[in-house]
Every structure is written in C-alpha cells, then in structure tokens.
C-alpha cells in the first residue's frame, strides 16, 4: 500500500513539474490585453489589413511596422504604425489579385504611461483573396 501511494505521489509530482513550464510559456503583457491583426477583401479584391490593440488603462500607444507579402514571400508594402489615441486601431489597403495568398505581419511595441516595460508584439495572418 505504501508503495502504491508513493508511486501515485511521484506521478502527481512529475505531472506538476511538466505543467509549470507550459504555463510559464504563456505570453503575459504589461500594457495590453489583446492585439489582433486582420486581413479582409472586398468585391474589387482590395486587401484590407487592420491592426487592433486593446490596452490596459495605463497603455499609451503602439508603434511598429505592418508588412504585406504575397505567396512567394515578396514584400509588397510596408506601413509605419504610430497610434497613441484610444481606441488603438489602424487600417491599410492594397490592390489585390483574385486567388493570391497574402500574409500580413506586424512587428512593434506597445507602450505605457506609467513606466512599465514596453510589450514586444509580433503578429502574422495569412488569407486568400477571393
């Protein structure tokens, strides 16, 4: 009976040890609650890229670059982002081609007005222009 309990405790301990690194890998942000990068298309195949960032009350703004790539990895456009007015959101357009696969990326930072460290943001989304 003691060996069974010891074995069970060992299994539980090992399971706990393996769950700690997984939960520690979950991104935690200092200044934002959520950040989303979107791609959409209209009937004329215009590509719409949107960046929406939900900040905490002390979040002050976002800066960085949005890039648009085609299916071959060619960079088609680069747009600077510098938004310090809430709600934080920017939109860019590009003349698309039907059937093309586009990838949009955002790389930048979310800042605060209370001295907390800036959050590094890297987002990517891919969609087909239909």
Protein backbone atom coordinates (compact mmCIF):
# COMPACT_ATOMS: atom_id res chain seq x y z
CA UNK A 1 0.00 0.00 0.00
CA UNK A 2 2.84 2.44 0.84
CA UNK A 3 4.49 1.73 -2.50
CA UNK A 4 1.24 2.50 -4.34
CA UNK A 5 0.82 5.82 -2.55
CA UNK A 6 4.47 6.70 -3.15
CA UNK A 7 4.09 5.82 -6.83
CA UNK A 8 0.92 7.93 -7.11
CA UNK A 9 2.61 10.90 -5.41
CA UNK A 10 5.59 10.55 -7.76
CA UNK A 11 3.29 10.59 -10.81
CA UNK A 12 1.46 13.66 -9.49
CA UNK A 13 4.76 15.43 -8.79
CA UNK A 14 6.06 14.69 -12.30
CA UNK A 15 2.80 15.97 -13.82
CA UNK A 16 3.07 19.20 -11.83
CA UNK A 17 6.69 19.67 -12.89
CA UNK A 18 5.71 19.34 -16.56
CA UNK A 19 2.82 21.79 -16.32
CA UNK A 20 4.86 24.63 -14.82
CA UNK A 21 6.97 25.30 -17.97
CA UNK A 22 3.87 25.20 -20.16
CA UNK A 23 2.04 27.83 -18.14
CA UNK A 24 5.21 29.91 -17.86
CA UNK A 25 5.40 30.00 -21.68
CA UNK A 26 2.02 31.76 -21.94
CA UNK A 27 2.68 35.33 -23.09
CA UNK A 28 1.97 37.98 -20.50
CA UNK A 29 1.75 41.60 -21.50
CA UNK A 30 2.45 44.64 -19.34
CA UNK A 31 0.40 47.17 -21.29
CA UNK A 32 -2.14 45.37 -23.48
CA UNK A 33 -4.93 42.87 -23.02
CA UNK A 34 -5.12 41.78 -26.65
CA UNK A 35 -3.75 42.53 -30.11
CA UNK A 36 -5.27 41.36 -33.38
CA UNK A 37 -4.11 41.56 -36.98
CA UNK A 38 -6.80 41.07 -39.62
CA UNK A 39 -6.99 40.64 -43.40
CA UNK A 40 -10.18 41.10 -45.41
CA UNK A 41 -11.08 41.62 -49.07
CA UNK A 42 -13.84 43.47 -50.87
CA UNK A 43 -15.59 42.62 -54.15
CA UNK A 44 -12.90 44.52 -56.09
CA UNK A 45 -10.18 42.35 -54.46
CA UNK A 46 -8.82 45.24 -52.41
CA UNK A 47 -6.82 43.89 -49.48
CA UNK A 48 -7.70 45.44 -46.11
CA UNK A 49 -5.22 44.98 -43.27
CA UNK A 50 -6.33 46.01 -39.80
CA UNK A 51 -4.45 46.17 -36.52
CA UNK A 52 -6.48 46.47 -33.30
CA UNK A 53 -4.86 46.73 -29.89
CA UNK A 54 -6.75 46.72 -26.60
CA UNK A 55 -4.64 48.43 -23.95
CA UNK A 56 -4.88 48.41 -20.20
CA UNK A 57 -5.77 51.76 -18.63
CA UNK A 58 -2.09 52.73 -18.40
CA UNK A 59 -1.32 51.71 -22.01
CA UNK A 60 -0.32 54.72 -24.03
CA UNK A 61 0.16 53.57 -27.61
CA UNK A 62 1.66 51.32 -30.24
CA UNK A 63 4.39 51.74 -32.83
CA UNK A 64 5.95 49.42 -35.38
CA UNK A 65 5.62 48.23 -38.97
CA UNK A 66 2.87 46.40 -40.84
CA UNK A 67 4.14 44.47 -43.87
CA UNK A 68 2.24 42.74 -46.64
CA UNK A 69 3.71 39.76 -48.53
CA UNK A 70 2.47 37.74 -51.49
CA UNK A 71 2.52 33.94 -51.78
CA UNK A 72 6.14 33.97 -52.99
CA UNK A 73 7.31 35.94 -49.97
CA UNK A 74 7.80 39.19 -51.84
CA UNK A 75 7.21 42.22 -49.63
CA UNK A 76 4.55 44.27 -51.41
CA UNK A 77 4.09 47.12 -48.95
CA UNK A 78 5.35 48.43 -45.61
CA UNK A 79 3.34 50.83 -43.48
CA UNK A 80 4.63 52.54 -40.31
CA UNK A 81 2.29 52.43 -37.32
CA UNK A 82 2.29 55.10 -34.64
CA UNK A 83 -1.03 55.29 -32.80
CA UNK A 84 -1.36 56.90 -29.38
CA UNK A 85 -5.11 57.62 -29.36
CA UNK A 86 -7.56 55.13 -27.90
CA UNK A 87 -9.07 53.02 -29.28
CA UNK A 88 -5.87 51.91 -30.95
CA UNK A 89 -6.56 50.70 -34.44
CA UNK A 90 -5.16 51.27 -37.92
CA UNK A 91 -6.18 50.09 -41.38
CA UNK A 92 -4.26 49.86 -44.63
CA UNK A 93 -5.33 48.89 -48.15
CA UNK A 94 -3.58 47.33 -51.11
CA UNK A 95 -4.88 46.47 -54.59
CA UNK A 96 -5.14 42.69 -54.52
CA UNK A 97 -5.33 39.96 -57.14
CA UNK A 98 -8.03 37.31 -57.10
CA UNK A 99 -6.72 33.95 -55.86
CA UNK A 100 -3.46 35.37 -54.44
CA UNK A 101 -2.44 34.36 -50.94
CA UNK A 102 -1.41 37.31 -48.78
CA UNK A 103 0.42 37.38 -45.47
CA UNK A 104 0.37 40.44 -43.23
CA UNK A 105 2.74 40.90 -40.31
CA UNK A 106 3.10 43.42 -37.53
CA UNK A 107 6.26 43.88 -35.50
CA UNK A 108 6.45 46.61 -32.90
CA UNK A 109 5.87 47.69 -29.33
CA UNK A 110 3.02 48.67 -27.03
CA UNK A 111 3.98 51.40 -24.55
CA UNK A 112 2.71 52.63 -21.21
CA UNK A 113 2.39 55.96 -19.47
CA UNK A 114 3.31 54.54 -16.05
CA UNK A 115 6.85 53.32 -16.69
CA UNK A 116 6.20 49.59 -17.19
CA UNK A 117 8.33 47.86 -19.79
CA UNK A 118 7.14 48.03 -23.39
CA UNK A 119 5.48 44.89 -24.79
CA UNK A 120 7.06 43.39 -27.91
CA UNK A 121 4.35 42.45 -30.39
CA UNK A 122 4.79 40.12 -33.37
CA UNK A 123 1.62 39.17 -35.24
CA UNK A 124 1.02 37.35 -38.53
CA UNK A 125 -2.03 36.34 -40.55
CA UNK A 126 -2.48 34.71 -43.96
CA UNK A 127 -5.57 34.72 -46.20
CA UNK A 128 -6.55 34.07 -49.80
CA UNK A 129 -8.09 36.85 -51.86
CA UNK A 130 -11.49 35.53 -53.01
